[in-house]
N, C-alpha and C. Protein backbone atom coordinates (compact mmCIF):
# COMPACT_ATOMS: atom_id res chain seq x y z
N MET A 1 -5.12 10.95 -19.15
CA MET A 1 -5.29 9.54 -18.84
C MET A 1 -6.29 8.93 -19.82
N GLU A 2 -5.96 7.78 -20.36
CA GLU A 2 -6.85 7.09 -21.28
C GLU A 2 -7.95 6.38 -20.51
N TYR A 3 -9.10 6.29 -21.13
CA TYR A 3 -10.23 5.58 -20.55
C TYR A 3 -10.00 4.08 -20.71
N VAL A 4 -10.12 3.34 -19.63
CA VAL A 4 -9.95 1.88 -19.67
C VAL A 4 -11.24 1.20 -19.24
N GLU A 5 -11.35 -0.05 -19.58
CA GLU A 5 -12.54 -0.84 -19.30
C GLU A 5 -12.28 -1.83 -18.16
N PRO A 6 -13.35 -2.25 -17.48
CA PRO A 6 -13.21 -3.37 -16.54
C PRO A 6 -13.11 -4.67 -17.33
N ILE A 7 -12.63 -5.69 -16.69
CA ILE A 7 -12.64 -7.03 -17.30
C ILE A 7 -13.94 -7.67 -16.85
N ARG A 8 -14.85 -7.84 -17.77
CA ARG A 8 -16.20 -8.29 -17.43
C ARG A 8 -16.32 -9.82 -17.33
N ASP A 9 -15.51 -10.52 -18.08
CA ASP A 9 -15.62 -11.97 -18.20
C ASP A 9 -14.74 -12.67 -17.17
N VAL A 10 -15.36 -13.48 -16.32
CA VAL A 10 -14.63 -14.18 -15.26
C VAL A 10 -13.62 -15.17 -15.85
N GLU A 11 -13.95 -15.77 -16.98
CA GLU A 11 -13.00 -16.69 -17.63
C GLU A 11 -11.72 -15.96 -18.03
N SER A 12 -11.88 -14.73 -18.51
CA SER A 12 -10.70 -13.92 -18.87
C SER A 12 -9.88 -13.58 -17.63
N ILE A 13 -10.55 -13.27 -16.55
CA ILE A 13 -9.86 -12.98 -15.29
C ILE A 13 -9.04 -14.19 -14.87
N ASN A 14 -9.65 -15.37 -14.92
CA ASN A 14 -8.94 -16.59 -14.53
C ASN A 14 -7.79 -16.90 -15.48
N ALA A 15 -7.96 -16.61 -16.77
CA ALA A 15 -6.88 -16.82 -17.73
C ALA A 15 -5.71 -15.88 -17.44
N ILE A 16 -6.01 -14.64 -17.08
CA ILE A 16 -4.94 -13.70 -16.71
C ILE A 16 -4.22 -14.19 -15.46
N LYS A 17 -4.97 -14.68 -14.49
CA LYS A 17 -4.35 -15.23 -13.28
C LYS A 17 -3.39 -16.37 -13.64
N ASP A 18 -3.81 -17.25 -14.54
CA ASP A 18 -2.95 -18.37 -14.96
C ASP A 18 -1.66 -17.87 -15.60
N ILE A 19 -1.78 -16.88 -16.47
CA ILE A 19 -0.60 -16.31 -17.13
C ILE A 19 0.33 -15.68 -16.10
N LEU A 20 -0.24 -14.89 -15.20
CA LEU A 20 0.59 -14.19 -14.21
C LEU A 20 1.23 -15.18 -13.22
N LYS A 21 0.52 -16.25 -12.90
CA LYS A 21 1.06 -17.26 -11.98
C LYS A 21 2.32 -17.89 -12.57
N LYS A 22 2.31 -18.13 -13.88
CA LYS A 22 3.48 -18.71 -14.54
C LYS A 22 4.63 -17.71 -14.60
N HIS A 23 4.30 -16.43 -14.69
CA HIS A 23 5.32 -15.39 -14.84
C HIS A 23 5.92 -14.97 -13.50
N SER A 24 5.05 -14.65 -12.52
CA SER A 24 5.56 -14.09 -11.27
C SER A 24 4.48 -14.08 -10.20
N LYS A 25 4.81 -14.59 -9.02
CA LYS A 25 3.87 -14.56 -7.90
C LYS A 25 3.60 -13.13 -7.46
N ARG A 26 4.58 -12.26 -7.64
CA ARG A 26 4.40 -10.84 -7.31
C ARG A 26 3.32 -10.24 -8.20
N ASP A 27 3.43 -10.48 -9.49
CA ASP A 27 2.49 -9.92 -10.45
C ASP A 27 1.09 -10.47 -10.24
N LEU A 28 1.00 -11.76 -9.96
CA LEU A 28 -0.30 -12.38 -9.67
C LEU A 28 -0.91 -11.74 -8.43
N SER A 29 -0.11 -11.54 -7.40
CA SER A 29 -0.61 -10.94 -6.15
C SER A 29 -1.11 -9.53 -6.37
N LEU A 30 -0.39 -8.75 -7.17
CA LEU A 30 -0.82 -7.39 -7.49
C LEU A 30 -2.19 -7.42 -8.17
N PHE A 31 -2.34 -8.28 -9.15
CA PHE A 31 -3.59 -8.39 -9.90
C PHE A 31 -4.74 -8.82 -8.99
N VAL A 32 -4.52 -9.88 -8.22
CA VAL A 32 -5.57 -10.43 -7.35
C VAL A 32 -5.97 -9.41 -6.27
N LEU A 33 -4.99 -8.75 -5.67
CA LEU A 33 -5.30 -7.74 -4.66
C LEU A 33 -6.08 -6.58 -5.28
N GLY A 34 -5.69 -6.15 -6.45
CA GLY A 34 -6.37 -5.04 -7.12
C GLY A 34 -7.80 -5.33 -7.49
N ILE A 35 -8.06 -6.49 -8.09
CA ILE A 35 -9.43 -6.79 -8.54
C ILE A 35 -10.36 -7.19 -7.40
N ASN A 36 -9.81 -7.52 -6.25
CA ASN A 36 -10.64 -7.93 -5.12
C ASN A 36 -10.86 -6.83 -4.09
N THR A 37 -10.17 -5.71 -4.22
CA THR A 37 -10.31 -4.63 -3.23
C THR A 37 -10.70 -3.30 -3.84
N GLY A 38 -10.36 -3.06 -5.09
CA GLY A 38 -10.64 -1.77 -5.71
C GLY A 38 -9.70 -0.67 -5.25
N ILE A 39 -8.58 -1.03 -4.67
CA ILE A 39 -7.61 -0.04 -4.19
C ILE A 39 -6.90 0.59 -5.39
N ARG A 40 -6.68 1.90 -5.32
CA ARG A 40 -5.97 2.62 -6.39
C ARG A 40 -4.56 2.03 -6.57
N ILE A 41 -4.07 2.08 -7.80
CA ILE A 41 -2.74 1.52 -8.10
C ILE A 41 -1.65 2.22 -7.30
N SER A 42 -1.77 3.52 -7.10
CA SER A 42 -0.75 4.24 -6.33
C SER A 42 -0.70 3.73 -4.89
N ASP A 43 -1.86 3.41 -4.33
CA ASP A 43 -1.90 2.87 -2.97
C ASP A 43 -1.39 1.43 -2.93
N LEU A 44 -1.71 0.65 -3.95
CA LEU A 44 -1.21 -0.73 -4.01
C LEU A 44 0.32 -0.74 -4.04
N LEU A 45 0.89 0.12 -4.88
CA LEU A 45 2.34 0.10 -5.06
C LEU A 45 3.08 0.66 -3.84
N SER A 46 2.40 1.43 -3.01
CA SER A 46 3.07 1.97 -1.81
C SER A 46 2.93 1.06 -0.60
N LEU A 47 2.23 -0.07 -0.75
CA LEU A 47 2.06 -0.99 0.37
C LEU A 47 3.39 -1.62 0.79
N LYS A 48 3.51 -1.83 2.08
CA LYS A 48 4.66 -2.56 2.62
C LYS A 48 4.17 -3.89 3.18
N VAL A 49 5.08 -4.81 3.37
CA VAL A 49 4.72 -6.13 3.88
C VAL A 49 3.98 -6.01 5.20
N GLU A 50 4.43 -5.10 6.08
CA GLU A 50 3.80 -4.94 7.40
C GLU A 50 2.35 -4.48 7.31
N ASP A 51 1.95 -3.92 6.18
CA ASP A 51 0.57 -3.48 6.02
C ASP A 51 -0.40 -4.65 5.90
N ILE A 52 0.08 -5.77 5.39
CA ILE A 52 -0.83 -6.91 5.16
C ILE A 52 -0.45 -8.15 5.96
N TRP A 53 0.65 -8.11 6.68
CA TRP A 53 1.17 -9.29 7.38
C TRP A 53 1.41 -8.96 8.85
N ASP A 54 1.04 -9.88 9.71
CA ASP A 54 1.44 -9.78 11.12
C ASP A 54 1.93 -11.15 11.56
N GLU A 55 2.21 -11.31 12.83
CA GLU A 55 2.80 -12.57 13.31
C GLU A 55 1.90 -13.78 13.08
N LYS A 56 0.61 -13.56 12.86
CA LYS A 56 -0.33 -14.67 12.62
C LYS A 56 -0.48 -15.00 11.14
N GLY A 57 0.01 -14.13 10.28
CA GLY A 57 -0.12 -14.36 8.83
C GLY A 57 -0.74 -13.15 8.14
N ILE A 58 -1.42 -13.40 7.02
CA ILE A 58 -2.06 -12.33 6.26
C ILE A 58 -3.22 -11.78 7.09
N LYS A 59 -3.29 -10.47 7.19
CA LYS A 59 -4.36 -9.83 7.95
C LYS A 59 -5.69 -9.99 7.22
N GLU A 60 -6.77 -9.92 7.97
CA GLU A 60 -8.10 -10.01 7.38
C GLU A 60 -8.49 -8.68 6.71
N PHE A 61 -8.01 -7.57 7.29
CA PHE A 61 -8.29 -6.25 6.75
C PHE A 61 -7.01 -5.47 6.55
N LEU A 62 -6.98 -4.71 5.48
CA LEU A 62 -5.89 -3.78 5.19
C LEU A 62 -6.44 -2.40 5.49
N TYR A 63 -5.71 -1.61 6.26
CA TYR A 63 -6.16 -0.27 6.62
C TYR A 63 -5.29 0.76 5.90
N LEU A 64 -5.96 1.63 5.14
CA LEU A 64 -5.25 2.67 4.40
C LEU A 64 -5.81 4.03 4.76
N LYS A 65 -4.92 4.97 4.94
CA LYS A 65 -5.34 6.35 5.20
C LYS A 65 -5.64 7.01 3.86
N GLU A 66 -6.80 7.63 3.78
CA GLU A 66 -7.22 8.32 2.57
C GLU A 66 -6.33 9.54 2.33
N MET A 67 -5.98 9.76 1.05
CA MET A 67 -5.12 10.89 0.70
C MET A 67 -5.81 12.23 0.94
N ASN A 68 -7.10 12.30 0.64
CA ASN A 68 -7.82 13.57 0.69
C ASN A 68 -8.37 13.92 2.07
N SER A 69 -8.35 12.98 2.99
CA SER A 69 -8.88 13.22 4.32
C SER A 69 -8.05 12.46 5.34
N ASP A 70 -8.39 12.62 6.58
CA ASP A 70 -7.69 11.85 7.63
C ASP A 70 -8.38 10.53 7.90
N GLU A 71 -9.37 10.21 7.10
CA GLU A 71 -10.13 8.98 7.29
C GLU A 71 -9.27 7.76 6.95
N THR A 72 -9.39 6.72 7.78
CA THR A 72 -8.74 5.44 7.50
C THR A 72 -9.82 4.48 7.01
N LYS A 73 -9.55 3.85 5.90
CA LYS A 73 -10.51 2.95 5.28
C LYS A 73 -10.02 1.51 5.42
N ALA A 74 -10.95 0.61 5.71
CA ALA A 74 -10.63 -0.81 5.84
C ALA A 74 -11.00 -1.53 4.55
N TYR A 75 -10.09 -2.36 4.07
CA TYR A 75 -10.33 -3.17 2.88
C TYR A 75 -10.22 -4.63 3.28
N TYR A 76 -11.29 -5.38 3.01
CA TYR A 76 -11.33 -6.80 3.33
C TYR A 76 -10.43 -7.58 2.38
N LEU A 77 -9.58 -8.43 2.94
CA LEU A 77 -8.72 -9.30 2.15
C LEU A 77 -9.35 -10.70 2.15
N ASN A 78 -10.06 -11.01 1.08
CA ASN A 78 -10.76 -12.28 1.01
C ASN A 78 -9.79 -13.46 0.86
N LYS A 79 -10.35 -14.65 0.80
CA LYS A 79 -9.52 -15.87 0.75
C LYS A 79 -8.63 -15.92 -0.49
N ASN A 80 -9.12 -15.45 -1.64
CA ASN A 80 -8.30 -15.44 -2.85
C ASN A 80 -7.09 -14.53 -2.67
N VAL A 81 -7.32 -13.36 -2.10
CA VAL A 81 -6.23 -12.41 -1.85
C VAL A 81 -5.25 -13.00 -0.83
N GLN A 82 -5.78 -13.53 0.26
CA GLN A 82 -4.92 -14.10 1.30
C GLN A 82 -4.07 -15.23 0.75
N HIS A 83 -4.66 -16.09 -0.06
CA HIS A 83 -3.91 -17.22 -0.62
C HIS A 83 -2.80 -16.73 -1.55
N ALA A 84 -3.12 -15.79 -2.45
CA ALA A 84 -2.12 -15.27 -3.38
C ALA A 84 -0.98 -14.59 -2.63
N LEU A 85 -1.31 -13.77 -1.64
CA LEU A 85 -0.28 -13.06 -0.87
C LEU A 85 0.57 -14.02 -0.04
N GLU A 86 -0.07 -15.01 0.57
CA GLU A 86 0.67 -16.00 1.35
C GLU A 86 1.66 -16.76 0.48
N ASP A 87 1.19 -17.20 -0.66
CA ASP A 87 2.04 -17.94 -1.59
C ASP A 87 3.23 -17.07 -2.03
N TYR A 88 2.95 -15.83 -2.33
CA TYR A 88 3.98 -14.87 -2.74
C TYR A 88 4.98 -14.61 -1.61
N LEU A 89 4.50 -14.30 -0.43
CA LEU A 89 5.40 -13.97 0.68
C LEU A 89 6.22 -15.16 1.15
N ASN A 90 5.67 -16.35 1.01
CA ASN A 90 6.41 -17.56 1.40
C ASN A 90 7.48 -17.95 0.41
N SER A 91 7.47 -17.34 -0.78
CA SER A 91 8.44 -17.72 -1.80
C SER A 91 9.71 -16.88 -1.77
N TYR A 92 9.73 -15.83 -0.95
CA TYR A 92 10.90 -14.94 -0.85
C TYR A 92 11.15 -14.60 0.61
N ASP A 93 12.35 -14.11 0.89
CA ASP A 93 12.65 -13.60 2.23
C ASP A 93 12.36 -12.11 2.25
N PHE A 94 11.29 -11.74 2.93
CA PHE A 94 10.89 -10.34 3.02
C PHE A 94 11.15 -9.82 4.42
N LEU A 95 11.44 -8.54 4.50
CA LEU A 95 11.43 -7.83 5.77
C LEU A 95 10.07 -7.16 5.89
N GLU A 96 9.61 -6.91 7.10
CA GLU A 96 8.32 -6.24 7.27
C GLU A 96 8.32 -4.86 6.62
N SER A 97 9.48 -4.23 6.57
CA SER A 97 9.57 -2.87 6.01
C SER A 97 9.73 -2.85 4.49
N ASP A 98 9.84 -4.02 3.86
CA ASP A 98 9.96 -4.09 2.40
C ASP A 98 8.66 -3.67 1.73
N TYR A 99 8.80 -3.07 0.55
CA TYR A 99 7.61 -2.82 -0.26
C TYR A 99 7.05 -4.15 -0.69
N LEU A 100 5.74 -4.27 -0.68
CA LEU A 100 5.08 -5.52 -1.03
C LEU A 100 5.36 -5.89 -2.49
N PHE A 101 5.27 -4.92 -3.37
CA PHE A 101 5.48 -5.19 -4.80
C PHE A 101 6.82 -4.60 -5.22
N LYS A 102 7.85 -5.17 -4.63
CA LYS A 102 9.23 -4.69 -4.79
C LYS A 102 9.76 -5.01 -6.18
N SER A 103 10.49 -4.05 -6.72
CA SER A 103 11.17 -4.21 -7.99
C SER A 103 12.25 -5.28 -7.86
N LYS A 104 12.55 -5.95 -8.94
CA LYS A 104 13.65 -6.92 -8.93
C LYS A 104 14.99 -6.23 -9.03
N LYS A 105 14.99 -4.94 -9.38
CA LYS A 105 16.22 -4.19 -9.58
C LYS A 105 16.72 -3.47 -8.33
N ASN A 106 15.79 -3.10 -7.44
CA ASN A 106 16.17 -2.35 -6.24
C ASN A 106 15.15 -2.59 -5.14
N ASN A 107 15.26 -1.86 -4.06
CA ASN A 107 14.34 -2.05 -2.93
C ASN A 107 13.11 -1.16 -3.01
N LEU A 108 12.89 -0.53 -4.14
CA LEU A 108 11.72 0.32 -4.32
C LEU A 108 10.58 -0.51 -4.92
N PRO A 109 9.35 0.00 -4.84
CA PRO A 109 8.26 -0.74 -5.48
C PRO A 109 8.37 -0.64 -6.99
N ILE A 110 7.70 -1.54 -7.70
CA ILE A 110 7.65 -1.41 -9.14
C ILE A 110 6.96 -0.09 -9.47
N THR A 111 7.23 0.42 -10.64
CA THR A 111 6.64 1.69 -11.04
C THR A 111 5.22 1.46 -11.56
N ARG A 112 4.49 2.53 -11.63
CA ARG A 112 3.15 2.50 -12.20
C ARG A 112 3.22 2.01 -13.66
N GLN A 113 4.26 2.43 -14.37
CA GLN A 113 4.44 2.02 -15.77
C GLN A 113 4.70 0.52 -15.87
N GLN A 114 5.50 -0.01 -14.94
CA GLN A 114 5.76 -1.45 -14.93
C GLN A 114 4.48 -2.22 -14.62
N ALA A 115 3.70 -1.74 -13.67
CA ALA A 115 2.42 -2.38 -13.35
C ALA A 115 1.51 -2.38 -14.58
N TYR A 116 1.49 -1.25 -15.30
CA TYR A 116 0.71 -1.17 -16.53
C TYR A 116 1.16 -2.22 -17.53
N ARG A 117 2.46 -2.33 -17.75
CA ARG A 117 2.99 -3.30 -18.72
C ARG A 117 2.60 -4.73 -18.33
N ILE A 118 2.68 -5.04 -17.05
CA ILE A 118 2.35 -6.39 -16.56
C ILE A 118 0.88 -6.72 -16.87
N ILE A 119 -0.01 -5.82 -16.49
CA ILE A 119 -1.44 -6.05 -16.64
C ILE A 119 -1.83 -6.04 -18.12
N ASN A 120 -1.34 -5.08 -18.85
CA ASN A 120 -1.69 -4.94 -20.26
C ASN A 120 -1.20 -6.13 -21.07
N LYS A 121 0.00 -6.57 -20.82
CA LYS A 121 0.58 -7.71 -21.55
C LYS A 121 -0.23 -8.98 -21.30
N ALA A 122 -0.58 -9.24 -20.04
CA ALA A 122 -1.36 -10.43 -19.71
C ALA A 122 -2.75 -10.37 -20.36
N ALA A 123 -3.36 -9.20 -20.34
CA ALA A 123 -4.69 -9.03 -20.95
C ALA A 123 -4.63 -9.26 -22.45
N LYS A 124 -3.60 -8.75 -23.09
CA LYS A 124 -3.45 -8.94 -24.54
C LYS A 124 -3.20 -10.41 -24.86
N GLU A 125 -2.41 -11.09 -24.02
CA GLU A 125 -2.15 -12.52 -24.21
C GLU A 125 -3.43 -13.33 -24.17
N VAL A 126 -4.34 -12.93 -23.30
CA VAL A 126 -5.63 -13.61 -23.15
C VAL A 126 -6.56 -13.26 -24.31
N GLY A 127 -6.28 -12.15 -24.96
CA GLY A 127 -7.11 -11.74 -26.09
C GLY A 127 -8.23 -10.79 -25.72
N ILE A 128 -8.06 -10.06 -24.64
CA ILE A 128 -9.07 -9.08 -24.24
C ILE A 128 -8.95 -7.87 -25.15
N PRO A 129 -10.04 -7.53 -25.83
CA PRO A 129 -10.01 -6.35 -26.69
C PRO A 129 -10.18 -5.08 -25.87
N GLY A 130 -9.89 -3.97 -26.44
CA GLY A 130 -10.13 -2.70 -25.76
C GLY A 130 -8.94 -2.24 -24.94
N LYS A 131 -9.16 -1.16 -24.25
CA LYS A 131 -8.10 -0.53 -23.47
C LYS A 131 -8.05 -1.12 -22.07
N ILE A 132 -6.89 -1.63 -21.71
CA ILE A 132 -6.67 -2.24 -20.40
C ILE A 132 -5.47 -1.54 -19.77
N GLY A 133 -5.59 -1.19 -18.51
CA GLY A 133 -4.49 -0.55 -17.80
C GLY A 133 -4.59 -0.80 -16.31
N THR A 134 -3.82 -0.06 -15.54
CA THR A 134 -3.81 -0.28 -14.09
C THR A 134 -5.17 0.05 -13.47
N HIS A 135 -5.86 1.02 -14.05
CA HIS A 135 -7.17 1.40 -13.53
C HIS A 135 -8.21 0.31 -13.79
N THR A 136 -7.91 -0.58 -14.71
CA THR A 136 -8.80 -1.71 -15.00
C THR A 136 -9.04 -2.55 -13.75
N LEU A 137 -8.03 -2.68 -12.90
CA LEU A 137 -8.19 -3.48 -11.68
C LEU A 137 -9.30 -2.91 -10.81
N ARG A 138 -9.26 -1.62 -10.60
CA ARG A 138 -10.24 -0.92 -9.77
C ARG A 138 -11.64 -1.00 -10.38
N LYS A 139 -11.72 -0.83 -11.69
CA LYS A 139 -13.01 -0.89 -12.37
C LYS A 139 -13.56 -2.32 -12.38
N THR A 140 -12.69 -3.30 -12.53
CA THR A 140 -13.12 -4.70 -12.51
C THR A 140 -13.73 -5.05 -11.16
N PHE A 141 -13.10 -4.59 -10.10
CA PHE A 141 -13.65 -4.80 -8.75
C PHE A 141 -15.08 -4.26 -8.67
N GLY A 142 -15.27 -3.01 -9.07
CA GLY A 142 -16.58 -2.37 -8.97
C GLY A 142 -17.63 -3.05 -9.83
N TYR A 143 -17.23 -3.41 -11.04
CA TYR A 143 -18.16 -4.06 -11.96
C TYR A 143 -18.67 -5.38 -11.36
N HIS A 144 -17.75 -6.19 -10.86
CA HIS A 144 -18.15 -7.50 -10.33
C HIS A 144 -18.83 -7.39 -8.98
N ALA A 145 -18.46 -6.41 -8.17
CA ALA A 145 -19.17 -6.18 -6.91
C ALA A 145 -20.63 -5.84 -7.21
N TYR A 146 -20.84 -4.96 -8.18
CA TYR A 146 -22.20 -4.57 -8.56
C TYR A 146 -22.98 -5.77 -9.10
N ARG A 147 -22.34 -6.54 -9.96
CA ARG A 147 -23.01 -7.72 -10.55
C ARG A 147 -23.37 -8.77 -9.50
N LYS A 148 -22.62 -8.79 -8.40
CA LYS A 148 -22.91 -9.77 -7.34
C LYS A 148 -23.87 -9.23 -6.29
N GLY A 149 -24.42 -8.04 -6.55
CA GLY A 149 -25.47 -7.54 -5.67
C GLY A 149 -25.05 -6.54 -4.61
N ILE A 150 -23.81 -6.09 -4.63
CA ILE A 150 -23.38 -5.06 -3.67
C ILE A 150 -24.09 -3.76 -4.04
N ALA A 151 -24.66 -3.11 -3.05
CA ALA A 151 -25.43 -1.88 -3.29
C ALA A 151 -24.55 -0.82 -3.94
N ILE A 152 -25.13 -0.12 -4.91
CA ILE A 152 -24.39 0.91 -5.62
C ILE A 152 -23.92 1.99 -4.65
N SER A 153 -24.66 2.23 -3.58
CA SER A 153 -24.26 3.24 -2.60
C SER A 153 -22.95 2.87 -1.91
N ILE A 154 -22.73 1.59 -1.68
CA ILE A 154 -21.47 1.13 -1.08
C ILE A 154 -20.32 1.32 -2.06
N ILE A 155 -20.55 0.95 -3.30
CA ILE A 155 -19.52 1.10 -4.33
C ILE A 155 -19.20 2.58 -4.54
N MET A 156 -20.23 3.42 -4.55
CA MET A 156 -20.04 4.88 -4.65
C MET A 156 -19.11 5.37 -3.55
N GLY A 157 -19.32 4.89 -2.33
CA GLY A 157 -18.49 5.31 -1.20
C GLY A 157 -17.04 4.91 -1.38
N ILE A 158 -16.81 3.73 -1.91
CA ILE A 158 -15.44 3.26 -2.15
C ILE A 158 -14.73 4.17 -3.15
N TYR A 159 -15.46 4.57 -4.18
CA TYR A 159 -14.88 5.40 -5.24
C TYR A 159 -14.96 6.90 -4.97
N HIS A 160 -15.65 7.28 -3.90
CA HIS A 160 -15.86 8.70 -3.58
C HIS A 160 -16.64 9.41 -4.69
N HIS A 161 -17.61 8.72 -5.25
CA HIS A 161 -18.47 9.32 -6.27
C HIS A 161 -19.67 9.97 -5.61
N HIS A 162 -20.32 10.86 -6.33
CA HIS A 162 -21.45 11.61 -5.77
C HIS A 162 -22.81 11.12 -6.24
N THR A 163 -22.84 10.38 -7.34
CA THR A 163 -24.13 9.89 -7.85
C THR A 163 -24.00 8.45 -8.33
N PRO A 164 -25.12 7.71 -8.27
CA PRO A 164 -25.10 6.34 -8.79
C PRO A 164 -24.74 6.30 -10.28
N SER A 165 -25.22 7.27 -11.05
CA SER A 165 -24.94 7.25 -12.49
C SER A 165 -23.44 7.44 -12.76
N GLU A 166 -22.78 8.25 -11.94
CA GLU A 166 -21.33 8.42 -12.08
C GLU A 166 -20.61 7.09 -11.85
N THR A 167 -21.02 6.37 -10.83
CA THR A 167 -20.40 5.08 -10.52
C THR A 167 -20.71 4.04 -11.59
N LEU A 168 -21.95 3.98 -12.03
CA LEU A 168 -22.31 3.02 -13.08
C LEU A 168 -21.52 3.28 -14.36
N ARG A 169 -21.37 4.55 -14.73
CA ARG A 169 -20.59 4.91 -15.92
C ARG A 169 -19.12 4.49 -15.71
N TYR A 170 -18.60 4.75 -14.51
CA TYR A 170 -17.21 4.44 -14.19
C TYR A 170 -16.92 2.94 -14.32
N ILE A 171 -17.84 2.11 -13.83
CA ILE A 171 -17.61 0.66 -13.85
C ILE A 171 -18.08 0.01 -15.15
N GLY A 172 -18.55 0.83 -16.09
CA GLY A 172 -18.90 0.32 -17.41
C GLY A 172 -20.25 -0.34 -17.50
N VAL A 173 -21.22 0.14 -16.71
CA VAL A 173 -22.57 -0.41 -16.75
C VAL A 173 -23.50 0.67 -17.26
N ASP A 174 -24.27 0.34 -18.29
CA ASP A 174 -25.28 1.24 -18.82
C ASP A 174 -26.45 1.22 -17.85
N LYS A 175 -26.85 2.39 -17.34
CA LYS A 175 -27.90 2.43 -16.32
C LYS A 175 -29.25 1.92 -16.83
N ASN A 176 -29.43 1.85 -18.15
CA ASN A 176 -30.67 1.32 -18.71
C ASN A 176 -30.60 -0.18 -18.98
N GLU A 177 -29.39 -0.72 -18.86
CA GLU A 177 -29.17 -2.15 -19.11
C GLU A 177 -29.74 -2.96 -17.94
N LYS A 178 -30.47 -4.00 -18.26
CA LYS A 178 -31.03 -4.87 -17.24
C LYS A 178 -30.02 -5.99 -16.96
N LEU A 179 -29.49 -5.99 -15.76
CA LEU A 179 -28.51 -7.01 -15.37
C LEU A 179 -29.16 -8.04 -14.47
N HIS A 180 -28.71 -9.25 -14.60
CA HIS A 180 -29.13 -10.29 -13.67
C HIS A 180 -28.16 -10.24 -12.50
N ILE A 181 -28.65 -9.72 -11.40
CA ILE A 181 -27.81 -9.56 -10.20
C ILE A 181 -27.88 -10.84 -9.39
N LYS A 182 -26.73 -11.31 -8.95
CA LYS A 182 -26.68 -12.51 -8.12
C LYS A 182 -26.76 -12.11 -6.66
N ILE A 183 -27.88 -12.39 -6.04
CA ILE A 183 -28.01 -12.15 -4.60
C ILE A 183 -28.03 -13.55 -3.98
N ASP A 184 -26.91 -13.93 -3.45
CA ASP A 184 -26.73 -15.30 -2.97
C ASP A 184 -26.66 -15.29 -1.45
N VAL A 185 -27.82 -15.41 -0.81
CA VAL A 185 -27.87 -15.49 0.65
C VAL A 185 -27.76 -16.97 0.99
N ASN A 186 -26.56 -17.41 1.05
CA ASN A 186 -26.24 -18.83 1.17
C ASN A 186 -26.25 -19.23 2.65
N LEU A 187 -27.43 -19.32 3.26
CA LEU A 187 -27.56 -19.59 4.70
C LEU A 187 -27.30 -21.03 5.05
């Protein structure tokens, strides 16, 4: 597996969203869900509509069973994710049992390779240098969570890492680098 980088610049993230919105609501939803939750691409692609939707609309939390344990993990679906998914689901006729990121060719989910092509192409269109791939979504989530003041211990738990330095290296932060962390207690 090649080493990929997070997308550090919020303007680039928004530019990718604009490109994907013009191309496909499915692709935009995949990107937005990935960068806002840090869920592995294999887990994203195996999601079904019923995992994120109930009779009231988009769920507030997505519950996924961990592959390595019997633990079920909750992932918060913020307003950006909910809006993207709602817009996407309202544009097609879905069954609850349908894969969320269904291929246009069959009833299976898009492949990991197709997800890579979607993300990589949009990143290149925006002019992002460096290696970008499906893992970029997960790393982008961690990088921005850390920059916004989320404790490294919480991010470590999401990634199942054993040390803060492992997580910082993974999300592309030099542990000696002084970052301006945004702690916004907006009471």
